[in-house]
């Protein structure tokens, strides 16, 4: 039973680390894209609609990366193929 406890603890820590990295990197990308969009708006205010539309599409794509990370981490965490072997 001690092996099972260590395995669950290790998989939980790895899942938490994966979520931290999987959220941190898209957050940095979102910050950079918003910064660049504001810079573009300051340079060309007449192109506001095109810049805003492109910004929102890009932010949605970046956010989907974080959601994909969440889904994969949850699949790995709750459907671990090694779990039946550890229960024996």
PDB file of N, CA and C in Angstrom:
ATOM      1  N   UNK A   1       0.811  -1.199   0.000  1.00  0.00           N
ATOM      2  CA  UNK A   1       0.000   0.000   0.000  1.00  0.00           C
ATOM      3  C   UNK A   1       0.854   1.262   0.000  1.00  0.00           C
ATOM      4  N   UNK A   2       2.053   1.159   0.518  1.00  0.00           N
ATOM      5  CA  UNK A   2       2.936   2.318   0.531  1.00  0.00           C
ATOM      6  C   UNK A   2       3.324   2.721  -0.885  1.00  0.00           C
ATOM      7  N   UNK A   3       3.504   1.727  -1.776  1.00  0.00           N
ATOM      8  CA  UNK A   3       3.819   2.041  -3.169  1.00  0.00           C
ATOM      9  C   UNK A   3       2.686   2.822  -3.820  1.00  0.00           C
ATOM     10  N   UNK A   4       1.472   2.443  -3.494  1.00  0.00           N
ATOM     11  CA  UNK A   4       0.302   3.121  -4.055  1.00  0.00           C
ATOM     12  C   UNK A   4       0.259   4.579  -3.581  1.00  0.00           C
ATOM     13  N   UNK A   5       0.559   4.803  -2.320  1.00  0.00           N
ATOM     14  CA  UNK A   5       0.541   6.156  -1.784  1.00  0.00           C
ATOM     15  C   UNK A   5       1.588   7.025  -2.471  1.00  0.00           C
ATOM     16  N   UNK A   6       2.788   6.502  -2.634  1.00  0.00           N
ATOM     17  CA  UNK A   6       3.841   7.267  -3.304  1.00  0.00           C
ATOM     18  C   UNK A   6       3.497   7.526  -4.765  1.00  0.00           C
ATOM     19  N   UNK A   7       2.887   6.536  -5.411  1.00  0.00           N
ATOM     20  CA  UNK A   7       2.521   6.688  -6.814  1.00  0.00           C
ATOM     21  C   UNK A   7       1.456   7.773  -6.985  1.00  0.00           C
ATOM     22  N   UNK A   8       0.451   7.755  -6.137  1.00  0.00           N
ATOM     23  CA  UNK A   8      -0.609   8.765  -6.203  1.00  0.00           C
ATOM     24  C   UNK A   8      -0.040  10.144  -5.902  1.00  0.00           C
ATOM     25  N   UNK A   9       0.841  10.223  -4.904  1.00  0.00           N
ATOM     26  CA  UNK A   9       1.454  11.499  -4.558  1.00  0.00           C
ATOM     27  C   UNK A   9       2.306  12.031  -5.714  1.00  0.00           C
ATOM     28  N   UNK A  10       3.103  11.156  -6.308  1.00  0.00           N
ATOM     29  CA  UNK A  10       3.958  11.585  -7.421  1.00  0.00           C
ATOM     30  C   UNK A  10       3.127  12.011  -8.631  1.00  0.00           C
ATOM     31  N   UNK A  11       2.089  11.263  -8.955  1.00  0.00           N
ATOM     32  CA  UNK A  11       1.270  11.639 -10.115  1.00  0.00           C
ATOM     33  C   UNK A  11       0.520  12.940  -9.866  1.00  0.00           C
ATOM     34  N   UNK A  12       0.113  13.173  -8.628  1.00  0.00           N
ATOM     35  CA  UNK A  12      -0.560  14.435  -8.309  1.00  0.00           C
ATOM     36  C   UNK A  12       0.402  15.608  -8.416  1.00  0.00           C
ATOM     37  N   UNK A  13       1.618  15.445  -7.931  1.00  0.00           N
ATOM     38  CA  UNK A  13       2.602  16.523  -8.030  1.00  0.00           C
ATOM     39  C   UNK A  13       2.982  16.812  -9.479  1.00  0.00           C
ATOM     40  N   UNK A  14       3.135  15.772 -10.274  1.00  0.00           N
ATOM     41  CA  UNK A  14       3.468  15.970 -11.685  1.00  0.00           C
ATOM     42  C   UNK A  14       2.312  16.644 -12.415  1.00  0.00           C
ATOM     43  N   UNK A  15       1.079  16.267 -12.077  1.00  0.00           N
ATOM     44  CA  UNK A  15      -0.077  16.911 -12.696  1.00  0.00           C
ATOM     45  C   UNK A  15      -0.138  18.387 -12.315  1.00  0.00           C
ATOM     46  N   UNK A  16       0.171  18.704 -11.061  1.00  0.00           N
ATOM     47  CA  UNK A  16       0.171  20.103 -10.634  1.00  0.00           C
ATOM     48  C   UNK A  16       1.261  20.891 -11.348  1.00  0.00           C
ATOM     49  N   UNK A  17       2.422  20.296 -11.520  1.00  0.00           N
ATOM     50  CA  UNK A  17       3.505  20.962 -12.239  1.00  0.00           C
ATOM     51  C   UNK A  17       3.141  21.182 -13.705  1.00  0.00           C
ATOM     52  N   UNK A  18       2.518  20.185 -14.310  1.00  0.00           N
ATOM     53  CA  UNK A  18       2.097  20.322 -15.707  1.00  0.00           C
ATOM     54  C   UNK A  18       1.051  21.415 -15.858  1.00  0.00           C
ATOM     55  N   UNK A  19       0.129  21.507 -14.918  1.00  0.00           N
ATOM     56  CA  UNK A  19      -0.873  22.570 -14.979  1.00  0.00           C
ATOM     57  C   UNK A  19      -0.232  23.937 -14.792  1.00  0.00           C
ATOM     58  N   UNK A  20       0.738  24.016 -13.885  1.00  0.00           N
ATOM     59  CA  UNK A  20       1.406  25.302 -13.654  1.00  0.00           C
ATOM     60  C   UNK A  20       2.115  25.771 -14.924  1.00  0.00           C
ATOM     61  N   UNK A  21       2.844  24.874 -15.559  1.00  0.00           N
ATOM     62  CA  UNK A  21       3.531  25.246 -16.802  1.00  0.00           C
ATOM     63  C   UNK A  21       2.549  25.481 -17.937  1.00  0.00           C
ATOM     64  N   UNK A  22       1.506  24.671 -17.974  1.00  0.00           N
ATOM     65  CA  UNK A  22       0.529  24.785 -19.050  1.00  0.00           C
ATOM     66  C   UNK A  22      -0.322  26.034 -18.962  1.00  0.00           C
ATOM     67  N   UNK A  23      -0.371  26.657 -17.810  1.00  0.00           N
ATOM     68  CA  UNK A  23      -1.119  27.901 -17.665  1.00  0.00           C
ATOM     69  C   UNK A  23      -0.182  29.106 -17.733  1.00  0.00           C
ATOM     70  N   UNK A  24       1.029  28.925 -17.251  1.00  0.00           N
ATOM     71  CA  UNK A  24       1.978  30.029 -17.210  1.00  0.00           C
ATOM     72  C   UNK A  24       2.385  30.483 -18.619  1.00  0.00           C
ATOM     73  N   UNK A  25       2.695  29.558 -19.468  1.00  0.00           N
ATOM     74  CA  UNK A  25       3.164  29.923 -20.804  1.00  0.00           C
ATOM     75  C   UNK A  25       2.075  30.586 -21.656  1.00  0.00           C
ATOM     76  N   UNK A  26       0.835  30.062 -21.688  1.00  0.00           N
ATOM     77  CA  UNK A  26      -0.199  30.812 -22.413  1.00  0.00           C
ATOM     78  C   UNK A  26      -0.493  32.181 -21.799  1.00  0.00           C
ATOM     79  N   UNK A  27      -0.345  32.306 -20.483  1.00  0.00           N
ATOM     80  CA  UNK A  27      -0.559  33.620 -19.856  1.00  0.00           C
ATOM     81  C   UNK A  27       0.488  34.618 -20.323  1.00  0.00           C
ATOM     82  N   UNK A  28       1.724  34.177 -20.440  1.00  0.00           N
ATOM     83  CA  UNK A  28       2.769  35.065 -20.970  1.00  0.00           C
ATOM     84  C   UNK A  28       2.490  35.438 -22.423  1.00  0.00           C
ATOM     85  N   UNK A  29       2.016  34.474 -23.196  1.00  0.00           N
ATOM     86  CA  UNK A  29       1.687  34.753 -24.594  1.00  0.00           C
ATOM     87  C   UNK A  29       0.524  35.732 -24.703  1.00  0.00           C
ATOM     88  N   UNK A  30      -0.460  35.588 -23.811  1.00  0.00           N
ATOM     89  CA  UNK A  30      -1.593  36.529 -23.823  1.00  0.00           C
ATOM     90  C   UNK A  30      -1.131  37.940 -23.472  1.00  0.00           C
ATOM     91  N   UNK A  31      -0.289  38.053 -22.477  1.00  0.00           N
ATOM     92  CA  UNK A  31       0.221  39.368 -22.097  1.00  0.00           C
ATOM     93  C   UNK A  31       0.995  40.018 -23.217  1.00  0.00           C
ATOM     94  N   UNK A  32       1.798  39.232 -23.897  1.00  0.00           N
ATOM     95  CA  UNK A  32       2.576  39.782 -25.006  1.00  0.00           C
ATOM     96  C   UNK A  32       1.674  40.210 -26.169  1.00  0.00           C
ATOM     97  N   UNK A  33       0.658  39.391 -26.472  1.00  0.00           N
ATOM     98  CA  UNK A  33      -0.214  39.744 -27.594  1.00  0.00           C
ATOM     99  C   UNK A  33      -1.055  40.977 -27.274  1.00  0.00           C
ATOM    100  N   UNK A  34      -1.501  41.117 -26.036  1.00  0.00           N
ATOM    101  CA  UNK A  34      -2.257  42.314 -25.665  1.00  0.00           C
ATOM    102  C   UNK A  34      -1.352  43.544 -25.732  1.00  0.00           C
ATOM    103  N   UNK A  35      -0.122  43.398 -25.272  1.00  0.00           N
ATOM    104  CA  UNK A  35       0.823  44.508 -25.336  1.00  0.00           C
ATOM    105  C   UNK A  35       1.080  44.938 -26.774  1.00  0.00           C
ATOM    106  N   UNK A  36       1.270  43.972 -27.644  1.00  0.00           N
ATOM    107  CA  UNK A  36       1.510  44.299 -29.052  1.00  0.00           C
ATOM    108  C   UNK A  36       0.273  44.918 -29.704  1.00  0.00           C
ATOM    109  N   UNK A  37      -0.912  44.454 -29.315  1.00  0.00           N
ATOM    110  CA  UNK A  37      -2.133  45.027 -29.878  1.00  0.00           C
ATOM    111  C   UNK A  37      -2.310  46.472 -29.428  1.00  0.00           C
ATOM    112  N   UNK A  38      -2.015  46.749 -28.170  1.00  0.00           N
ATOM    113  CA  UNK A  38      -2.112  48.128 -27.696  1.00  0.00           C
ATOM    114  C   UNK A  38      -1.093  49.027 -28.391  1.00  0.00           C
ATOM    115  N   UNK A  39       0.076  48.476 -28.644  1.00  0.00           N
ATOM    116  CA  UNK A  39       1.092  49.233 -29.380  1.00  0.00           C
ATOM    117  C   UNK A  39       0.614  49.527 -30.806  1.00  0.00           C
ATOM    118  N   UNK A  40       0.000  48.521 -31.437  1.00  0.00           N
ATOM    119  CA  UNK A  40      -0.512  48.724 -32.791  1.00  0.00           C
ATOM    120  C   UNK A  40      -1.660  49.731 -32.800  1.00  0.00           C
ATOM    121  N   UNK A  41      -2.510  49.693 -31.777  1.00  0.00           N
ATOM    122  CA  UNK A  41      -3.606  50.660 -31.697  1.00  0.00           C
ATOM    123  C   UNK A  41      -3.089  52.081 -31.486  1.00  0.00           C
ATOM    124  N   UNK A  42      -2.010  52.213 -30.734  1.00  0.00           N
ATOM    125  CA  UNK A  42      -1.437  53.539 -30.522  1.00  0.00           C
ATOM    126  C   UNK A  42      -0.829  54.089 -31.807  1.00  0.00           C
ATOM    127  N   UNK A  43      -0.300  53.213 -32.644  1.00  0.00           N
ATOM    128  CA  UNK A  43       0.318  53.663 -33.894  1.00  0.00           C
ATOM    129  C   UNK A  43      -0.714  53.941 -34.985  1.00  0.00           C
ATOM    130  N   UNK A  44      -1.760  53.076 -35.056  1.00  0.00           N
ATOM    131  CA  UNK A  44      -2.777  53.220 -36.102  1.00  0.00           C
ATOM    132  C   UNK A  44      -4.173  53.121 -35.492  1.00  0.00           C
ATOM    133  N   UNK A  45      -4.683  54.173 -34.925  1.00  0.00           N
ATOM    134  CA  UNK A  45      -6.010  54.109 -34.293  1.00  0.00           C
ATOM    135  C   UNK A  45      -7.146  53.840 -35.281  1.00  0.00           C
ATOM    136  N   UNK A  46      -6.921  54.151 -36.551  1.00  0.00           N
ATOM    137  CA  UNK A  46      -7.980  53.917 -37.543  1.00  0.00           C
ATOM    138  C   UNK A  46      -8.179  52.433 -37.839  1.00  0.00           C
ATOM    139  N   UNK A  47      -7.238  51.598 -37.489  1.00  0.00           N
ATOM    140  CA  UNK A  47      -7.349  50.150 -37.729  1.00  0.00           C
ATOM    141  C   UNK A  47      -7.825  49.406 -36.486  1.00  0.00           C
ATOM    142  N   UNK A  48      -8.603  50.094 -35.663  1.00  0.00           N
ATOM    143  CA  UNK A  48      -9.018  49.520 -34.382  1.00  0.00           C
ATOM    144  C   UNK A  48      -9.847  48.247 -34.546  1.00  0.00           C
ATOM    145  N   UNK A  49     -10.798  48.245 -35.463  1.00  0.00           N
ATOM    146  CA  UNK A  49     -11.665  47.075 -35.618  1.00  0.00           C
ATOM    147  C   UNK A  49     -10.888  45.848 -36.073  1.00  0.00           C
ATOM    148  N   UNK A  50     -10.014  46.010 -37.034  1.00  0.00           N
ATOM    149  CA  UNK A  50      -9.244  44.873 -37.530  1.00  0.00           C
ATOM    150  C   UNK A  50      -8.280  44.350 -36.468  1.00  0.00           C
ATOM    151  N   UNK A  51      -7.649  45.251 -35.736  1.00  0.00           N
ATOM    152  CA  UNK A  51      -6.701  44.836 -34.697  1.00  0.00           C
ATOM    153  C   UNK A  51      -7.435  44.129 -33.569  1.00  0.00           C
ATOM    154  N   UNK A  52      -8.570  44.685 -33.163  1.00  0.00           N
ATOM    155  CA  UNK A  52      -9.333  44.084 -32.071  1.00  0.00           C
ATOM    156  C   UNK A  52      -9.853  42.709 -32.456  1.00  0.00           C
ATOM    157  N   UNK A  53     -10.370  42.577 -33.655  1.00  0.00           N
ATOM    158  CA  UNK A  53     -10.886  41.283 -34.117  1.00  0.00           C
ATOM    159  C   UNK A  53      -9.765  40.239 -34.158  1.00  0.00           C
ATOM    160  N   UNK A  54      -8.634  40.612 -34.693  1.00  0.00           N
ATOM    161  CA  UNK A  54      -7.492  39.701 -34.760  1.00  0.00           C
ATOM    162  C   UNK A  54      -6.987  39.354 -33.361  1.00  0.00           C
ATOM    163  N   UNK A  55      -6.998  40.337 -32.466  1.00  0.00           N
ATOM    164  CA  UNK A  55      -6.560  40.107 -31.089  1.00  0.00           C
ATOM    165  C   UNK A  55      -7.451  39.081 -30.405  1.00  0.00           C
ATOM    166  N   UNK A  56      -8.765  39.228 -30.534  1.00  0.00           N
ATOM    167  CA  UNK A  56      -9.672  38.301 -29.863  1.00  0.00           C
ATOM    168  C   UNK A  56      -9.566  36.883 -30.428  1.00  0.00           C
ATOM    169  N   UNK A  57      -9.362  36.762 -31.721  1.00  0.00           N
ATOM    170  CA  UNK A  57      -9.175  35.428 -32.306  1.00  0.00           C
ATOM    171  C   UNK A  57      -7.882  34.808 -31.777  1.00  0.00           C
ATOM    172  N   UNK A  58      -6.818  35.598 -31.720  1.00  0.00           N
ATOM    173  CA  UNK A  58      -5.549  35.095 -31.190  1.00  0.00           C
ATOM    174  C   UNK A  58      -5.640  34.716 -29.721  1.00  0.00           C
ATOM    175  N   UNK A  59      -6.332  35.539 -28.934  1.00  0.00           N
ATOM    176  CA  UNK A  59      -6.497  35.210 -27.510  1.00  0.00           C
ATOM    177  C   UNK A  59      -7.311  33.936 -27.321  1.00  0.00           C
ATOM    178  N   UNK A  60      -8.305  33.719 -28.153  1.00  0.00           N
ATOM    179  CA  UNK A  60      -9.084  32.483 -28.066  1.00  0.00           C
ATOM    180  C   UNK A  60      -8.221  31.268 -28.398  1.00  0.00           C
ATOM    181  N   UNK A  61      -7.357  31.401 -29.386  1.00  0.00           N
ATOM    182  CA  UNK A  61      -6.448  30.297 -29.732  1.00  0.00           C
ATOM    183  C   UNK A  61      -5.480  30.013 -28.592  1.00  0.00           C
ATOM    184  N   UNK A  62      -4.940  31.055 -27.979  1.00  0.00           N
ATOM    185  CA  UNK A  62      -3.999  30.871 -26.876  1.00  0.00           C
ATOM    186  C   UNK A  62      -4.709  30.247 -25.677  1.00  0.00           C
ATOM    187  N   UNK A  63      -5.916  30.692 -25.395  1.00  0.00           N
ATOM    188  CA  UNK A  63      -6.669  30.146 -24.266  1.00  0.00           C
ATOM    189  C   UNK A  63      -7.010  28.683 -24.482  1.00  0.00           C
ATOM    190  N   UNK A  64      -7.230  28.304 -25.740  1.00  0.00           N
ATOM    191  CA  UNK A  64      -7.524  26.895 -26.009  1.00  0.00           C
ATOM    192  C   UNK A  64      -6.330  26.007 -25.673  1.00  0.00           C
ATOM    193  N   UNK A  65      -5.124  26.524 -25.772  1.00  0.00           N
ATOM    194  CA  UNK A  65      -3.949  25.738 -25.381  1.00  0.00           C
ATOM    195  C   UNK A  65      -3.991  25.400 -23.892  1.00  0.00           C
ATOM    196  N   UNK A  66      -4.366  26.361 -23.065  1.00  0.00           N
ATOM    197  CA  UNK A  66      -4.460  26.110 -21.626  1.00  0.00           C
ATOM    198  C   UNK A  66      -5.571  25.104 -21.322  1.00  0.00           C
ATOM    199  N   UNK A  67      -6.658  25.175 -22.054  1.00  0.00           N
ATOM    200  CA  UNK A  67      -7.746  24.220 -21.846  1.00  0.00           C
ATOM    201  C   UNK A  67      -7.320  22.822 -22.275  1.00  0.00           C
ATOM    202  N   UNK A  68      -6.575  22.715 -23.369  1.00  0.00           N
ATOM    203  CA  UNK A  68      -6.071  21.411 -23.792  1.00  0.00           C
ATOM    204  C   UNK A  68      -5.139  20.819 -22.742  1.00  0.00           C
ATOM    205  N   UNK A  69      -4.307  21.638 -22.149  1.00  0.00           N
ATOM    206  CA  UNK A  69      -3.422  21.155 -21.081  1.00  0.00           C
ATOM    207  C   UNK A  69      -4.241  20.625 -19.917  1.00  0.00           C
ATOM    208  N   UNK A  70      -5.274  21.343 -19.535  1.00  0.00           N
ATOM    209  CA  UNK A  70      -6.131  20.900 -18.444  1.00  0.00           C
ATOM    210  C   UNK A  70      -6.765  19.555 -18.757  1.00  0.00           C
ATOM    211  N   UNK A  71      -7.279  19.394 -19.958  1.00  0.00           N
ATOM    212  CA  UNK A  71      -7.933  18.140 -20.337  1.00  0.00           C
ATOM    213  C   UNK A  71      -6.937  16.982 -20.323  1.00  0.00           C
ATOM    214  N   UNK A  72      -5.766  17.171 -20.885  1.00  0.00           N
ATOM    215  CA  UNK A  72      -4.768  16.104 -20.925  1.00  0.00           C
ATOM    216  C   UNK A  72      -4.299  15.737 -19.525  1.00  0.00           C
ATOM    217  N   UNK A  73      -4.081  16.735 -18.670  1.00  0.00           N
ATOM    218  CA  UNK A  73      -3.654  16.448 -17.299  1.00  0.00           C
ATOM    219  C   UNK A  73      -4.731  15.683 -16.556  1.00  0.00           C
ATOM    220  N   UNK A  74      -5.987  16.045 -16.736  1.00  0.00           N
ATOM    221  CA  UNK A  74      -7.063  15.314 -16.062  1.00  0.00           C
ATOM    222  C   UNK A  74      -7.182  13.891 -16.578  1.00  0.00           C
ATOM    223  N   UNK A  75      -6.989  13.690 -17.866  1.00  0.00           N
ATOM    224  CA  UNK A  75      -7.025  12.336 -18.419  1.00  0.00           C
ATOM    225  C   UNK A  75      -5.892  11.504 -17.837  1.00  0.00           C
ATOM    226  N   UNK A  76      -4.702  12.059 -17.787  1.00  0.00           N
ATOM    227  CA  UNK A  76      -3.562  11.323 -17.241  1.00  0.00           C
ATOM    228  C   UNK A  76      -3.745  11.059 -15.755  1.00  0.00           C
ATOM    229  N   UNK A  77      -4.284  12.014 -15.038  1.00  0.00           N
ATOM    230  CA  UNK A  77      -4.428  11.890 -13.594  1.00  0.00           C
ATOM    231  C   UNK A  77      -5.488  10.866 -13.212  1.00  0.00           C
ATOM    232  N   UNK A  78      -6.622  10.863 -13.891  1.00  0.00           N
ATOM    233  CA  UNK A  78      -7.726  10.004 -13.476  1.00  0.00           C
ATOM    234  C   UNK A  78      -7.844   8.707 -14.256  1.00  0.00           C
ATOM    235  N   UNK A  79      -7.154   8.576 -15.347  1.00  0.00           N
ATOM    236  CA  UNK A  79      -7.195   7.320 -16.107  1.00  0.00           C
ATOM    237  C   UNK A  79      -5.762   6.840 -16.297  1.00  0.00           C
ATOM    238  N   UNK A  80      -5.151   6.490 -15.186  1.00  0.00           N
ATOM    239  CA  UNK A  80      -3.770   6.044 -15.215  1.00  0.00           C
ATOM    240  C   UNK A  80      -3.723   4.557 -15.550  1.00  0.00           C
ATOM    241  N   UNK A  81      -3.030   4.147 -16.592  1.00  0.00           N
ATOM    242  CA  UNK A  81      -3.011   2.734 -16.975  1.00  0.00           C
ATOM    243  C   UNK A  81      -2.243   1.850 -15.980  1.00  0.00           C
ATOM    244  N   UNK A  82      -1.416   2.439 -15.129  1.00  0.00           N
ATOM    245  CA  UNK A  82      -0.653   1.632 -14.175  1.00  0.00           C
ATOM    246  C   UNK A  82      -1.416   1.377 -12.878  1.00  0.00           C
ATOM    247  N   UNK A  83      -2.550   2.008 -12.670  1.00  0.00           N
ATOM    248  CA  UNK A  83      -3.272   1.887 -11.419  1.00  0.00           C
ATOM    249  C   UNK A  83      -3.707   0.448 -11.106  1.00  0.00           C
ATOM    250  N   UNK A  84      -4.221  -0.348 -12.056  1.00  0.00           N
ATOM    251  CA  UNK A  84      -4.617  -1.726 -11.708  1.00  0.00           C
ATOM    252  C   UNK A  84      -3.443  -2.593 -11.239  1.00  0.00           C
ATOM    253  N   UNK A  85      -2.258  -2.348 -11.772  1.00  0.00           N
ATOM    254  CA  UNK A  85      -1.105  -3.147 -11.359  1.00  0.00           C
ATOM    255  C   UNK A  85      -0.658  -2.801  -9.940  1.00  0.00           C
ATOM    256  N   UNK A  86      -0.886  -1.571  -9.536  1.00  0.00           N
ATOM    257  CA  UNK A  86      -0.488  -1.159  -8.199  1.00  0.00           C
ATOM    258  C   UNK A  86      -1.478  -1.600  -7.136  1.00  0.00           C
ATOM    259  N   UNK A  87      -2.719  -1.865  -7.529  1.00  0.00           N
ATOM    260  CA  UNK A  87      -3.728  -2.279  -6.567  1.00  0.00           C
ATOM    261  C   UNK A  87      -3.579  -3.736  -6.160  1.00  0.00           C
ATOM    262  N   UNK A  88      -2.838  -4.532  -6.932  1.00  0.00           N
ATOM    263  CA  UNK A  88      -2.680  -5.965  -6.617  1.00  0.00           C
ATOM    264  C   UNK A  88      -1.765  -6.174  -5.446  1.00  0.00           C
TER     265      UNK A  88
END
